[in-house]
Amino acid sequence: MELPVAVRRPAYRAAYRVLQVWWFVTRPQKSGVKCVLTDGDRVLLVRHTYGRRHWDIPGGAVKRGEPPLHAARREMREELGIDATDWVSIGEMPVRMNHRRDTLHCFHVDLRDPVIRIDRGELEQAHWFARGALPAERSRYVSPILDRAGGQA
């Protein structure tokens, strides 16, 4: 049984705050995925219900022992209802986030007329933007990751 959105959103926010303290104390090394979803010249950006809430490229954590491609597929299925199979790796990017040392595994998939079904507990919004008209309030990693997608996106 899935908890109602009104319960899950505050739970995500609280868990994120606790994790931020944990990351500050432990300075862990983690792996995550970022997934560039395009529909022609449009790119999908999301706003989470927790954290800074800037527009960002969808993604998530890689579980222990999980291949990054599997994490990308799982996260996109869970957060957006996307079950794409033709992902292309666009490389890795070392980043520092919330006192963590992360390796972001970046992937790209071009979808045609996609139907998005967002997880309202984790995501506040998802919106398609033209590549030339990205919002100003976005994560610092959006442009470098889109640059990696380059000619593919």
N, C-alpha and C. Protein backbone atom coordinates (compact mmCIF):
# COMPACT_ATOMS: atom_id res chain seq x y z
N MET A 1 0.83 -1.18 0.00
CA MET A 1 0.00 0.00 0.00
C MET A 1 0.89 1.25 0.00
N GLU A 2 0.63 2.14 -0.92
CA GLU A 2 1.41 3.37 -1.02
C GLU A 2 0.81 4.45 -0.13
N LEU A 3 1.66 5.16 0.58
CA LEU A 3 1.21 6.23 1.45
C LEU A 3 0.68 7.40 0.63
N PRO A 4 -0.28 8.16 1.16
CA PRO A 4 -0.79 9.32 0.44
C PRO A 4 0.30 10.39 0.24
N VAL A 5 0.14 11.17 -0.81
CA VAL A 5 1.09 12.23 -1.13
C VAL A 5 1.26 13.19 0.05
N ALA A 6 0.18 13.50 0.75
CA ALA A 6 0.24 14.42 1.89
C ALA A 6 1.13 13.89 3.01
N VAL A 7 1.38 12.60 3.04
CA VAL A 7 2.27 12.00 4.03
C VAL A 7 3.68 11.86 3.45
N ARG A 8 3.77 11.45 2.18
CA ARG A 8 5.06 11.20 1.57
C ARG A 8 5.90 12.46 1.38
N ARG A 9 5.28 13.57 0.99
CA ARG A 9 6.05 14.80 0.78
C ARG A 9 6.78 15.25 2.04
N PRO A 10 6.09 15.38 3.18
CA PRO A 10 6.83 15.76 4.40
C PRO A 10 7.86 14.70 4.81
N ALA A 11 7.57 13.45 4.53
CA ALA A 11 8.53 12.39 4.86
C ALA A 11 9.79 12.54 4.03
N TYR A 12 9.65 12.84 2.73
CA TYR A 12 10.83 13.07 1.88
C TYR A 12 11.62 14.26 2.40
N ARG A 13 10.93 15.34 2.77
CA ARG A 13 11.62 16.54 3.27
C ARG A 13 12.37 16.25 4.56
N ALA A 14 11.73 15.54 5.47
CA ALA A 14 12.37 15.21 6.75
C ALA A 14 13.57 14.29 6.53
N ALA A 15 13.39 13.27 5.71
CA ALA A 15 14.48 12.33 5.43
C ALA A 15 15.65 13.06 4.79
N TYR A 16 15.37 13.98 3.88
CA TYR A 16 16.43 14.73 3.21
C TYR A 16 17.23 15.56 4.21
N ARG A 17 16.53 16.19 5.17
CA ARG A 17 17.23 16.98 6.20
C ARG A 17 18.13 16.10 7.06
N VAL A 18 17.63 14.94 7.45
CA VAL A 18 18.43 14.00 8.24
C VAL A 18 19.64 13.55 7.44
N LEU A 19 19.44 13.23 6.17
CA LEU A 19 20.55 12.81 5.32
C LEU A 19 21.58 13.92 5.15
N GLN A 20 21.14 15.15 5.04
CA GLN A 20 22.10 16.26 4.91
C GLN A 20 23.02 16.31 6.12
N VAL A 21 22.50 16.12 7.30
CA VAL A 21 23.33 16.10 8.51
C VAL A 21 24.28 14.91 8.46
N TRP A 22 23.75 13.75 8.10
CA TRP A 22 24.57 12.53 8.01
C TRP A 22 25.71 12.73 7.01
N TRP A 23 25.40 13.31 5.85
CA TRP A 23 26.42 13.54 4.83
C TRP A 23 27.47 14.53 5.32
N PHE A 24 27.05 15.55 6.08
CA PHE A 24 27.99 16.53 6.61
C PHE A 24 28.98 15.85 7.56
N VAL A 25 28.48 14.95 8.39
CA VAL A 25 29.32 14.27 9.37
C VAL A 25 30.22 13.22 8.72
N THR A 26 29.67 12.43 7.80
CA THR A 26 30.41 11.28 7.26
C THR A 26 31.15 11.56 5.96
N ARG A 27 30.76 12.59 5.21
CA ARG A 27 31.37 12.93 3.91
C ARG A 27 31.50 11.70 3.00
N PRO A 28 30.38 11.02 2.73
CA PRO A 28 30.45 9.76 1.99
C PRO A 28 30.73 9.96 0.50
N GLN A 29 31.13 8.89 -0.12
CA GLN A 29 31.26 8.84 -1.58
C GLN A 29 30.09 8.03 -2.09
N LYS A 30 29.29 8.60 -2.99
CA LYS A 30 28.07 7.98 -3.47
C LYS A 30 28.06 7.95 -4.99
N SER A 31 27.14 7.18 -5.54
CA SER A 31 26.91 7.15 -6.99
C SER A 31 25.45 7.47 -7.25
N GLY A 32 25.24 8.23 -8.30
CA GLY A 32 23.88 8.58 -8.69
C GLY A 32 23.76 8.57 -10.20
N VAL A 33 22.54 8.76 -10.67
CA VAL A 33 22.28 8.84 -12.11
C VAL A 33 21.54 10.13 -12.40
N LYS A 34 21.81 10.67 -13.57
CA LYS A 34 21.05 11.79 -14.13
C LYS A 34 20.64 11.36 -15.52
N CYS A 35 19.36 11.57 -15.84
CA CYS A 35 18.80 11.05 -17.09
C CYS A 35 18.24 12.19 -17.93
N VAL A 36 18.87 12.43 -19.06
CA VAL A 36 18.41 13.45 -19.99
C VAL A 36 17.34 12.81 -20.87
N LEU A 37 16.11 13.27 -20.68
CA LEU A 37 14.99 12.79 -21.49
C LEU A 37 14.65 13.89 -22.48
N THR A 38 14.67 13.56 -23.75
CA THR A 38 14.35 14.56 -24.76
C THR A 38 13.19 14.07 -25.62
N ASP A 39 12.53 15.04 -26.21
CA ASP A 39 11.49 14.81 -27.22
C ASP A 39 11.80 15.81 -28.31
N GLY A 40 12.63 15.38 -29.26
CA GLY A 40 13.11 16.31 -30.28
C GLY A 40 14.00 17.36 -29.64
N ASP A 41 13.60 18.64 -29.76
CA ASP A 41 14.39 19.74 -29.20
C ASP A 41 14.01 20.08 -27.76
N ARG A 42 13.07 19.34 -27.21
CA ARG A 42 12.63 19.62 -25.84
C ARG A 42 13.34 18.69 -24.86
N VAL A 43 13.58 19.22 -23.66
CA VAL A 43 14.22 18.43 -22.60
C VAL A 43 13.32 18.50 -21.36
N LEU A 44 13.22 17.38 -20.66
CA LEU A 44 12.38 17.32 -19.46
C LEU A 44 13.20 17.70 -18.23
N LEU A 45 12.69 18.67 -17.48
CA LEU A 45 13.28 19.03 -16.19
C LEU A 45 12.23 18.84 -15.11
N VAL A 46 12.69 18.58 -13.90
CA VAL A 46 11.79 18.32 -12.78
C VAL A 46 12.13 19.22 -11.59
N ARG A 47 11.16 19.39 -10.71
CA ARG A 47 11.37 20.04 -9.41
C ARG A 47 10.98 19.02 -8.35
N HIS A 48 11.90 18.76 -7.44
CA HIS A 48 11.63 17.82 -6.35
C HIS A 48 10.80 18.50 -5.25
N THR A 49 10.19 17.69 -4.42
CA THR A 49 9.41 18.22 -3.30
C THR A 49 10.30 18.50 -2.09
N TYR A 50 11.58 18.22 -2.20
CA TYR A 50 12.54 18.41 -1.10
C TYR A 50 13.78 19.08 -1.67
N GLY A 51 14.66 19.52 -0.80
CA GLY A 51 15.90 20.15 -1.25
C GLY A 51 15.67 21.55 -1.77
N ARG A 52 16.54 21.98 -2.68
CA ARG A 52 16.51 23.38 -3.16
C ARG A 52 15.37 23.67 -4.12
N ARG A 53 14.80 22.70 -4.70
CA ARG A 53 13.65 22.81 -5.60
C ARG A 53 13.91 23.62 -6.86
N HIS A 54 15.15 23.68 -7.28
CA HIS A 54 15.45 24.26 -8.59
C HIS A 54 15.06 23.24 -9.65
N TRP A 55 14.89 23.71 -10.88
CA TRP A 55 14.66 22.78 -11.98
C TRP A 55 15.91 21.93 -12.15
N ASP A 56 15.74 20.65 -12.36
CA ASP A 56 16.88 19.73 -12.43
C ASP A 56 16.59 18.62 -13.42
N ILE A 57 17.64 17.94 -13.80
CA ILE A 57 17.52 16.75 -14.64
C ILE A 57 17.10 15.62 -13.71
N PRO A 58 16.11 14.83 -14.11
CA PRO A 58 15.68 13.75 -13.23
C PRO A 58 16.78 12.72 -13.01
N GLY A 59 16.72 12.07 -11.86
CA GLY A 59 17.72 11.07 -11.54
C GLY A 59 17.51 10.54 -10.15
N GLY A 60 18.54 9.91 -9.62
CA GLY A 60 18.44 9.37 -8.28
C GLY A 60 19.68 8.59 -7.90
N ALA A 61 19.58 7.89 -6.80
CA ALA A 61 20.71 7.15 -6.25
C ALA A 61 20.87 5.79 -6.91
N VAL A 62 22.12 5.36 -6.98
CA VAL A 62 22.44 4.00 -7.41
C VAL A 62 22.53 3.17 -6.14
N LYS A 63 21.75 2.10 -6.07
CA LYS A 63 21.79 1.23 -4.90
C LYS A 63 23.06 0.39 -4.91
N ARG A 64 23.50 -0.03 -3.74
CA ARG A 64 24.71 -0.85 -3.62
C ARG A 64 24.60 -2.09 -4.51
N GLY A 65 25.61 -2.26 -5.38
CA GLY A 65 25.65 -3.41 -6.27
C GLY A 65 24.80 -3.28 -7.53
N GLU A 66 24.10 -2.18 -7.67
CA GLU A 66 23.22 -1.97 -8.82
C GLU A 66 24.00 -1.31 -9.96
N PRO A 67 23.95 -1.87 -11.17
CA PRO A 67 24.59 -1.19 -12.30
C PRO A 67 23.91 0.16 -12.57
N PRO A 68 24.68 1.19 -12.90
CA PRO A 68 24.08 2.52 -13.12
C PRO A 68 22.95 2.54 -14.15
N LEU A 69 23.07 1.78 -15.22
CA LEU A 69 22.00 1.76 -16.23
C LEU A 69 20.70 1.23 -15.62
N HIS A 70 20.80 0.20 -14.78
CA HIS A 70 19.60 -0.32 -14.11
C HIS A 70 19.00 0.73 -13.19
N ALA A 71 19.87 1.50 -12.50
CA ALA A 71 19.39 2.57 -11.62
C ALA A 71 18.66 3.63 -12.44
N ALA A 72 19.20 3.98 -13.59
CA ALA A 72 18.55 4.98 -14.45
C ALA A 72 17.16 4.50 -14.87
N ARG A 73 17.07 3.27 -15.33
CA ARG A 73 15.77 2.72 -15.74
C ARG A 73 14.80 2.67 -14.57
N ARG A 74 15.27 2.22 -13.40
CA ARG A 74 14.42 2.12 -12.22
C ARG A 74 13.91 3.49 -11.79
N GLU A 75 14.83 4.45 -11.69
CA GLU A 75 14.43 5.79 -11.23
C GLU A 75 13.42 6.44 -12.19
N MET A 76 13.62 6.30 -13.48
CA MET A 76 12.70 6.92 -14.45
C MET A 76 11.33 6.23 -14.42
N ARG A 77 11.33 4.93 -14.17
CA ARG A 77 10.07 4.20 -14.05
C ARG A 77 9.33 4.64 -12.77
N GLU A 78 10.08 4.75 -11.66
CA GLU A 78 9.46 5.13 -10.38
C GLU A 78 8.98 6.58 -10.36
N GLU A 79 9.82 7.51 -10.83
CA GLU A 79 9.50 8.93 -10.72
C GLU A 79 8.60 9.46 -11.83
N LEU A 80 8.75 8.90 -13.04
CA LEU A 80 8.08 9.49 -14.20
C LEU A 80 7.22 8.52 -15.00
N GLY A 81 7.22 7.25 -14.62
CA GLY A 81 6.43 6.27 -15.36
C GLY A 81 6.98 5.99 -16.75
N ILE A 82 8.26 6.28 -16.96
CA ILE A 82 8.93 6.06 -18.25
C ILE A 82 9.63 4.70 -18.23
N ASP A 83 9.36 3.89 -19.22
CA ASP A 83 9.97 2.56 -19.28
C ASP A 83 10.74 2.42 -20.58
N ALA A 84 11.71 3.30 -20.79
CA ALA A 84 12.50 3.29 -22.02
C ALA A 84 13.60 2.24 -21.94
N THR A 85 14.01 1.74 -23.10
CA THR A 85 15.06 0.71 -23.13
C THR A 85 16.30 1.14 -23.89
N ASP A 86 16.20 2.18 -24.71
CA ASP A 86 17.33 2.55 -25.58
C ASP A 86 18.15 3.71 -25.02
N TRP A 87 18.59 3.57 -23.78
CA TRP A 87 19.41 4.57 -23.12
C TRP A 87 20.81 4.58 -23.70
N VAL A 88 21.40 5.76 -23.79
CA VAL A 88 22.77 5.92 -24.25
C VAL A 88 23.56 6.57 -23.12
N SER A 89 24.69 5.98 -22.76
CA SER A 89 25.55 6.58 -21.73
C SER A 89 26.21 7.82 -22.30
N ILE A 90 26.18 8.92 -21.54
CA ILE A 90 26.87 10.14 -21.97
C ILE A 90 27.98 10.49 -20.99
N GLY A 91 28.41 9.49 -20.22
CA GLY A 91 29.59 9.64 -19.39
C GLY A 91 29.31 9.82 -17.91
N GLU A 92 30.40 9.95 -17.19
CA GLU A 92 30.36 10.14 -15.74
C GLU A 92 30.85 11.54 -15.41
N MET A 93 30.38 12.04 -14.28
CA MET A 93 30.77 13.38 -13.85
C MET A 93 30.99 13.36 -12.34
N PRO A 94 32.22 13.66 -11.89
CA PRO A 94 32.44 13.76 -10.44
C PRO A 94 31.90 15.11 -9.95
N VAL A 95 31.13 15.08 -8.87
CA VAL A 95 30.55 16.31 -8.32
C VAL A 95 30.61 16.27 -6.79
N ARG A 96 30.49 17.44 -6.21
CA ARG A 96 30.35 17.56 -4.74
C ARG A 96 28.97 18.14 -4.49
N MET A 97 28.19 17.41 -3.72
CA MET A 97 26.82 17.81 -3.40
C MET A 97 26.55 17.53 -1.95
N ASN A 98 26.03 18.50 -1.24
CA ASN A 98 25.63 18.26 0.15
C ASN A 98 26.73 17.57 0.97
N HIS A 99 27.96 17.97 0.76
CA HIS A 99 29.12 17.41 1.48
C HIS A 99 29.43 15.97 1.09
N ARG A 100 28.81 15.49 0.02
CA ARG A 100 29.11 14.15 -0.49
C ARG A 100 30.03 14.29 -1.70
N ARG A 101 30.79 13.26 -1.93
CA ARG A 101 31.56 13.15 -3.17
C ARG A 101 30.81 12.16 -4.04
N ASP A 102 30.16 12.68 -5.07
CA ASP A 102 29.32 11.84 -5.92
C ASP A 102 29.95 11.60 -7.28
N THR A 103 29.62 10.47 -7.84
CA THR A 103 29.87 10.20 -9.25
C THR A 103 28.51 10.10 -9.90
N LEU A 104 28.22 11.03 -10.80
CA LEU A 104 26.96 10.99 -11.54
C LEU A 104 27.18 10.24 -12.84
N HIS A 105 26.41 9.20 -13.04
CA HIS A 105 26.42 8.44 -14.29
C HIS A 105 25.27 9.03 -15.12
N CYS A 106 25.62 9.59 -16.26
CA CYS A 106 24.64 10.33 -17.07
C CYS A 106 24.21 9.51 -18.27
N PHE A 107 22.91 9.55 -18.53
CA PHE A 107 22.32 8.80 -19.63
C PHE A 107 21.37 9.70 -20.40
N HIS A 108 21.11 9.31 -21.64
CA HIS A 108 20.19 10.06 -22.50
C HIS A 108 19.27 9.08 -23.23
N VAL A 109 18.03 9.50 -23.39
CA VAL A 109 17.09 8.76 -24.24
C VAL A 109 16.19 9.80 -24.91
N ASP A 110 15.95 9.59 -26.20
CA ASP A 110 15.03 10.46 -26.93
C ASP A 110 13.71 9.73 -27.03
N LEU A 111 12.66 10.36 -26.54
CA LEU A 111 11.33 9.78 -26.54
C LEU A 111 10.47 10.53 -27.56
N ARG A 112 9.57 9.85 -28.18
CA ARG A 112 8.65 10.50 -29.12
C ARG A 112 7.25 10.50 -28.53
N ASP A 113 6.69 11.70 -28.35
CA ASP A 113 5.37 11.87 -27.77
C ASP A 113 5.22 11.10 -26.46
N PRO A 114 6.10 11.37 -25.51
CA PRO A 114 6.07 10.61 -24.25
C PRO A 114 4.87 10.98 -23.37
N VAL A 115 4.44 10.01 -22.63
CA VAL A 115 3.42 10.24 -21.60
C VAL A 115 4.14 10.13 -20.27
N ILE A 116 4.11 11.21 -19.51
CA ILE A 116 4.80 11.28 -18.22
C ILE A 116 3.76 11.15 -17.12
N ARG A 117 4.05 10.30 -16.14
CA ARG A 117 3.20 10.14 -14.97
C ARG A 117 4.09 10.32 -13.75
N ILE A 118 4.08 11.55 -13.18
CA ILE A 118 5.05 11.84 -12.12
C ILE A 118 4.59 11.31 -10.75
N ASP A 119 5.57 10.95 -9.96
CA ASP A 119 5.35 10.56 -8.57
C ASP A 119 5.19 11.85 -7.78
N ARG A 120 3.98 12.21 -7.43
CA ARG A 120 3.67 13.48 -6.76
C ARG A 120 4.25 13.56 -5.35
N GLY A 121 4.65 12.45 -4.77
CA GLY A 121 5.28 12.48 -3.47
C GLY A 121 6.69 13.01 -3.56
N GLU A 122 7.41 12.61 -4.61
CA GLU A 122 8.81 12.99 -4.77
C GLU A 122 9.01 14.19 -5.68
N LEU A 123 8.16 14.32 -6.68
CA LEU A 123 8.29 15.41 -7.65
C LEU A 123 7.13 16.38 -7.56
N GLU A 124 7.49 17.65 -7.47
CA GLU A 124 6.47 18.70 -7.45
C GLU A 124 5.98 18.99 -8.86
N GLN A 125 6.93 19.04 -9.81
CA GLN A 125 6.59 19.37 -11.20
C GLN A 125 7.54 18.66 -12.15
N ALA A 126 7.06 18.46 -13.36
CA ALA A 126 7.88 18.02 -14.48
C ALA A 126 7.39 18.83 -15.68
N HIS A 127 8.35 19.37 -16.44
CA HIS A 127 7.96 20.24 -17.56
C HIS A 127 8.95 20.08 -18.70
N TRP A 128 8.44 20.10 -19.92
CA TRP A 128 9.29 20.06 -21.11
C TRP A 128 9.69 21.48 -21.48
N PHE A 129 10.98 21.71 -21.66
CA PHE A 129 11.51 23.01 -22.04
C PHE A 129 12.25 22.89 -23.36
N ALA A 130 12.14 23.93 -24.21
CA ALA A 130 12.98 23.98 -25.40
C ALA A 130 14.42 24.17 -24.94
N ARG A 131 15.36 23.53 -25.64
CA ARG A 131 16.77 23.62 -25.24
C ARG A 131 17.23 25.08 -25.14
N GLY A 132 16.71 25.93 -25.99
CA GLY A 132 17.12 27.34 -25.99
C GLY A 132 16.33 28.20 -25.01
N ALA A 133 15.42 27.62 -24.26
CA ALA A 133 14.58 28.40 -23.34
C ALA A 133 14.49 27.72 -21.97
N LEU A 134 15.64 27.34 -21.44
CA LEU A 134 15.67 26.69 -20.13
C LEU A 134 15.40 27.73 -19.04
N PRO A 135 14.79 27.34 -17.94
CA PRO A 135 14.51 28.30 -16.87
C PRO A 135 15.80 28.77 -16.20
N ALA A 136 15.79 29.98 -15.70
CA ALA A 136 16.97 30.53 -15.03
C ALA A 136 17.23 29.83 -13.69
N GLU A 137 16.18 29.47 -13.00
CA GLU A 137 16.31 28.84 -11.68
C GLU A 137 16.48 27.32 -11.86
N ARG A 138 17.72 26.92 -12.11
CA ARG A 138 17.97 25.50 -12.34
C ARG A 138 19.25 25.07 -11.62
N SER A 139 19.36 23.79 -11.41
CA SER A 139 20.52 23.21 -10.75
C SER A 139 21.78 23.54 -11.54
N ARG A 140 22.89 23.67 -10.83
CA ARG A 140 24.16 24.00 -11.48
C ARG A 140 24.66 22.89 -12.40
N TYR A 141 24.09 21.70 -12.30
CA TYR A 141 24.54 20.58 -13.13
C TYR A 141 23.74 20.41 -14.42
N VAL A 142 22.66 21.17 -14.58
CA VAL A 142 21.81 21.01 -15.77
C VAL A 142 22.62 21.31 -17.04
N SER A 143 23.24 22.48 -17.12
CA SER A 143 23.95 22.86 -18.36
C SER A 143 25.12 21.93 -18.67
N PRO A 144 25.99 21.60 -17.70
CA PRO A 144 27.09 20.68 -18.04
C PRO A 144 26.61 19.30 -18.50
N ILE A 145 25.52 18.82 -17.92
CA ILE A 145 25.03 17.49 -18.33
C ILE A 145 24.40 17.59 -19.72
N LEU A 146 23.65 18.66 -19.98
CA LEU A 146 23.07 18.83 -21.32
C LEU A 146 24.17 19.01 -22.36
N ASP A 147 25.26 19.69 -21.99
CA ASP A 147 26.40 19.82 -22.90
C ASP A 147 26.96 18.46 -23.26
N ARG A 148 27.00 17.55 -22.27
CA ARG A 148 27.50 16.19 -22.54
C ARG A 148 26.58 15.47 -23.53
N ALA A 149 25.28 15.73 -23.41
CA ALA A 149 24.32 15.09 -24.33
C ALA A 149 24.49 15.66 -25.74
N GLY A 150 24.95 16.91 -25.80
CA GLY A 150 25.29 17.60 -27.05
C GLY A 150 24.45 17.24 -28.25
N GLY A 151 25.07 16.64 -29.23
CA GLY A 151 24.41 16.30 -30.48
C GLY A 151 23.35 15.22 -30.32
N GLN A 152 23.41 14.47 -29.22
CA GLN A 152 22.43 13.42 -29.02
C GLN A 152 21.09 13.97 -28.57
N ALA A 153 21.14 15.11 -27.86
CA ALA A 153 19.89 15.65 -27.30
C ALA A 153 19.37 16.76 -28.17
